[in-house]
Amino acid sequence: MRQNAFYCLTVPDLGPGDPKQLNDRILDAARSCCDRWGIQKVTVDDIAAEAGVSRATLYRVFPGGREVLFEALREREIRSFLAELDVRVAEASTLEDLVVGIITHALGQLRSDIHLQLMMASEPGEVALTLGVESLPNIVLLATTVLGPRLSRFLAPTAAAELAEWVSRVVVSYFLAPSPLVDLSDPVQAAAFTRRFVLPAFLVPSI
């Protein structure tokens, strides 16, 4: 049963504690509330009650309130997503293997994410807005920061940054609107796609 306003105002405040732990506890609570009710229905009181903190503590940690909190949640999840992806493609020995690994692993992670599955089922428009409009610039920036060094093993820094941006945009696009022509989560199809559309643009033939 959903907490009411009285419950939210009378839960014992477990803050302040360690700032990092408190920050994570509030963000974890926000994610749980979104899974339970959908992002549009979640209030600051809901999150504070779930985290075991007062409204005052929540606003001290996230002075902008709900919008700042959700932006911090999105950034934390993007960073975690990219860190895991980086580990999974670390052993790629060629540019093709690296690009295919990034695309297939990223789409696989997105499609298997329970939180995203719940959000897509309850609020597909909100997910599209979040990934496609509100967070895409941040996704591109963080992807370039995390994946750029991997791509720089095979490309000049500028080209590596351009490819990191391209790959991140392609992954988001194909996740939100799957193609009936190609399944980029399939390594064989992703490799054919990469050889046709990516490598000719980024690898200059030797003379």
Protein backbone atom coordinates (compact mmCIF):
# COMPACT_ATOMS: atom_id res chain seq x y z
CA MET A 1 0.00 0.00 0.00
CA ARG A 2 1.28 3.42 -0.91
CA GLN A 3 2.51 5.69 1.86
CA ASN A 4 0.30 8.64 2.68
CA ALA A 5 1.48 12.14 3.49
CA PHE A 6 1.21 11.57 7.24
CA TYR A 7 3.47 8.50 7.06
CA CYS A 8 5.99 10.39 4.96
CA LEU A 9 6.16 13.17 7.51
CA THR A 10 6.55 10.91 10.53
CA VAL A 11 9.11 8.28 9.45
CA PRO A 12 12.29 8.39 11.56
CA ASP A 13 15.03 10.36 9.80
CA LEU A 14 18.03 8.07 9.29
CA GLY A 15 20.24 10.91 8.00
CA PRO A 16 22.69 12.51 7.91
CA GLY A 17 25.18 9.62 8.05
CA ASP A 18 27.91 9.27 5.43
CA PRO A 19 27.17 11.74 2.58
CA LYS A 20 27.88 9.20 -0.18
CA GLN A 21 25.80 6.49 1.49
CA LEU A 22 22.98 8.96 2.10
CA ASN A 23 23.09 10.11 -1.52
CA ASP A 24 22.95 6.53 -2.78
CA ARG A 25 20.17 5.57 -0.37
CA ILE A 26 17.98 8.39 -1.63
CA LEU A 27 18.71 7.55 -5.28
CA ASP A 28 18.01 3.85 -4.63
CA ALA A 29 14.72 4.87 -3.02
CA ALA A 30 13.81 7.02 -6.03
CA ARG A 31 14.43 4.10 -8.37
CA SER A 32 12.32 1.76 -6.21
CA CYS A 33 9.47 4.25 -6.15
CA CYS A 34 9.61 4.66 -9.94
CA ASP A 35 9.45 0.89 -10.39
CA ARG A 36 6.46 0.74 -8.08
CA TRP A 37 4.35 3.67 -9.28
CA GLY A 38 5.94 5.20 -12.39
CA ILE A 39 8.03 8.34 -12.49
CA GLN A 40 5.14 10.75 -13.01
CA LYS A 41 3.36 9.63 -9.82
CA VAL A 42 6.38 9.64 -7.52
CA THR A 43 6.60 12.52 -5.06
CA VAL A 44 9.39 13.82 -2.86
CA ASP A 45 7.45 12.51 0.14
CA ASP A 46 7.40 9.02 -1.39
CA ILE A 47 11.16 9.04 -1.92
CA ALA A 48 11.91 10.46 1.52
CA ALA A 49 9.76 7.78 3.18
CA GLU A 50 11.34 4.98 1.13
CA ALA A 51 14.83 6.24 2.02
CA GLY A 52 14.00 6.76 5.68
CA VAL A 53 14.85 10.46 5.68
CA SER A 54 12.93 13.67 6.22
CA ARG A 55 12.00 16.09 3.46
CA ALA A 56 14.54 18.50 4.95
CA THR A 57 17.34 15.96 4.62
CA LEU A 58 16.33 15.08 1.07
CA TYR A 59 16.33 18.76 0.06
CA ARG A 60 19.69 19.25 1.77
CA VAL A 61 21.20 16.46 -0.33
CA PHE A 62 19.35 17.51 -3.51
CA PRO A 63 18.65 21.25 -3.14
CA GLY A 64 16.68 21.39 -6.39
CA GLY A 65 14.26 18.74 -5.19
CA ARG A 66 12.62 16.22 -7.48
CA GLU A 67 14.07 17.30 -10.83
CA VAL A 68 17.64 17.54 -9.56
CA LEU A 69 17.27 14.19 -7.81
CA PHE A 70 16.02 12.46 -10.97
CA GLU A 71 18.81 14.00 -13.02
CA ALA A 72 21.33 12.66 -10.50
CA LEU A 73 19.69 9.24 -10.73
CA ARG A 74 19.90 9.27 -14.52
CA GLU A 75 23.57 10.26 -14.44
CA ARG A 76 24.44 7.59 -11.88
CA GLU A 77 22.76 4.91 -13.95
CA ILE A 78 24.43 6.06 -17.17
CA ARG A 79 27.86 6.02 -15.48
CA SER A 80 27.24 2.55 -14.05
CA PHE A 81 25.99 1.30 -17.41
CA LEU A 82 29.05 2.62 -19.26
CA ALA A 83 31.49 1.33 -16.64
CA GLU A 84 30.08 -2.18 -16.99
CA LEU A 85 30.11 -1.88 -20.77
CA ASP A 86 33.74 -0.73 -20.73
CA VAL A 87 34.78 -3.83 -18.79
CA ARG A 88 32.96 -6.13 -21.17
CA VAL A 89 34.67 -4.75 -24.31
CA ALA A 90 38.13 -4.27 -22.81
CA GLU A 91 39.64 -7.30 -24.57
CA ALA A 92 38.57 -6.38 -28.13
CA SER A 93 41.55 -6.81 -30.46
CA THR A 94 40.27 -4.92 -33.54
CA LEU A 95 38.16 -1.85 -34.16
CA GLU A 96 35.42 -4.03 -35.63
CA ASP A 97 35.36 -6.27 -32.57
CA LEU A 98 35.27 -3.23 -30.30
CA VAL A 99 32.40 -1.49 -32.12
CA VAL A 100 30.39 -4.71 -32.41
CA GLY A 101 31.00 -5.44 -28.73
CA ILE A 102 29.87 -1.96 -27.68
CA ILE A 103 26.70 -2.11 -29.77
CA THR A 104 25.65 -5.66 -28.87
CA HIS A 105 26.51 -5.45 -25.18
CA ALA A 106 24.87 -2.04 -24.80
CA LEU A 107 21.63 -3.14 -26.45
CA GLY A 108 21.68 -6.37 -24.47
CA GLN A 109 22.10 -4.47 -21.21
CA LEU A 110 19.29 -2.05 -22.05
CA ARG A 111 16.89 -4.81 -23.08
CA SER A 112 17.58 -6.89 -19.98
CA ASP A 113 17.37 -3.98 -17.51
CA ILE A 114 14.39 -4.74 -15.26
CA HIS A 115 13.97 -1.09 -14.29
CA LEU A 116 13.79 -0.03 -17.94
CA GLN A 117 11.44 -2.90 -18.75
CA LEU A 118 9.06 -1.74 -16.03
CA MET A 119 9.29 1.86 -17.18
CA MET A 120 8.78 0.92 -20.84
CA ALA A 121 5.69 -1.08 -19.88
CA SER A 122 4.14 1.65 -17.73
CA GLU A 123 5.50 4.88 -19.23
CA PRO A 124 7.09 4.35 -22.66
CA GLY A 125 6.77 8.03 -23.49
CA GLU A 126 8.71 8.99 -20.38
CA VAL A 127 11.52 6.56 -21.25
CA ALA A 128 11.70 7.93 -24.79
CA LEU A 129 11.79 11.48 -23.45
CA THR A 130 14.44 10.66 -20.89
CA LEU A 131 16.78 8.74 -23.19
CA GLY A 132 16.07 10.67 -26.36
CA VAL A 133 15.80 14.27 -25.23
CA GLU A 134 16.68 14.91 -21.61
CA SER A 135 19.67 12.59 -21.23
CA LEU A 136 21.07 12.06 -24.73
CA PRO A 137 23.58 14.94 -24.54
CA ASN A 138 24.82 13.57 -21.20
CA ILE A 139 24.90 10.02 -22.57
CA VAL A 140 27.00 11.18 -25.51
CA LEU A 141 29.36 13.14 -23.26
CA LEU A 142 29.86 10.28 -20.82
CA ALA A 143 30.16 7.70 -23.61
CA THR A 144 32.87 9.79 -25.22
CA THR A 145 34.68 10.06 -21.89
CA VAL A 146 34.45 6.35 -21.07
CA LEU A 147 34.65 4.73 -24.50
CA GLY A 148 36.89 7.29 -26.20
CA PRO A 149 40.11 5.86 -24.72
CA ARG A 150 39.14 2.37 -25.90
CA LEU A 151 38.47 3.62 -29.42
CA SER A 152 41.68 5.67 -29.35
CA ARG A 153 43.62 2.41 -29.49
CA PHE A 154 42.61 2.25 -33.15
CA LEU A 155 41.76 5.85 -34.11
CA ALA A 156 43.00 9.41 -33.65
CA PRO A 157 41.40 11.14 -30.64
CA THR A 158 39.01 13.27 -32.72
CA ALA A 159 37.82 10.28 -34.75
CA ALA A 160 37.49 8.22 -31.56
CA ALA A 161 35.26 10.90 -30.02
CA GLU A 162 33.16 11.09 -33.18
CA LEU A 163 32.72 7.32 -33.26
CA ALA A 164 31.83 7.19 -29.55
CA GLU A 165 29.13 9.79 -30.18
CA TRP A 166 27.84 7.95 -33.26
CA VAL A 167 27.69 4.60 -31.48
CA SER A 168 25.87 6.03 -28.45
CA ARG A 169 23.27 7.69 -30.67
CA VAL A 170 22.77 4.51 -32.71
CA VAL A 171 22.34 2.36 -29.60
CA VAL A 172 19.72 4.70 -28.09
CA SER A 173 17.88 4.97 -31.41
CA TYR A 174 17.76 1.22 -32.06
CA PHE A 175 16.72 0.54 -28.46
CA LEU A 176 13.82 2.98 -28.55
CA ALA A 177 12.75 2.06 -32.09
CA PRO A 178 13.96 -1.44 -33.08
CA SER A 179 14.48 -1.94 -36.79
CA PRO A 180 12.61 -4.68 -38.69
CA LEU A 181 15.63 -4.90 -41.01
CA VAL A 182 18.52 -5.47 -38.62
CA ASP A 183 18.90 -6.70 -35.04
CA LEU A 184 21.98 -4.95 -33.66
CA SER A 185 21.93 -7.09 -30.53
CA ASP A 186 22.88 -10.04 -32.74
CA PRO A 187 26.70 -10.17 -33.17
CA VAL A 188 26.55 -11.45 -36.76
CA GLN A 189 24.15 -8.72 -37.91
CA ALA A 190 25.98 -6.08 -35.90
CA ALA A 191 29.28 -7.10 -37.51
CA ALA A 192 27.80 -6.85 -41.02
CA PHE A 193 26.31 -3.45 -40.13
CA THR A 194 29.65 -2.26 -38.77
CA ARG A 195 31.62 -3.41 -41.82
CA ARG A 196 29.15 -1.69 -44.14
CA PHE A 197 28.47 1.60 -42.38
CA VAL A 198 31.19 2.20 -39.79
CA LEU A 199 34.58 0.94 -40.88
CA PRO A 200 34.54 2.64 -44.32
CA ALA A 201 33.95 5.99 -42.60
CA PHE A 202 36.59 5.64 -39.90
CA LEU A 203 39.32 3.47 -41.37
CA VAL A 204 41.35 5.04 -44.16
CA PRO A 205 42.68 2.37 -46.55
CA SER A 206 46.45 2.16 -46.62
CA ILE A 207 48.07 3.19 -49.91
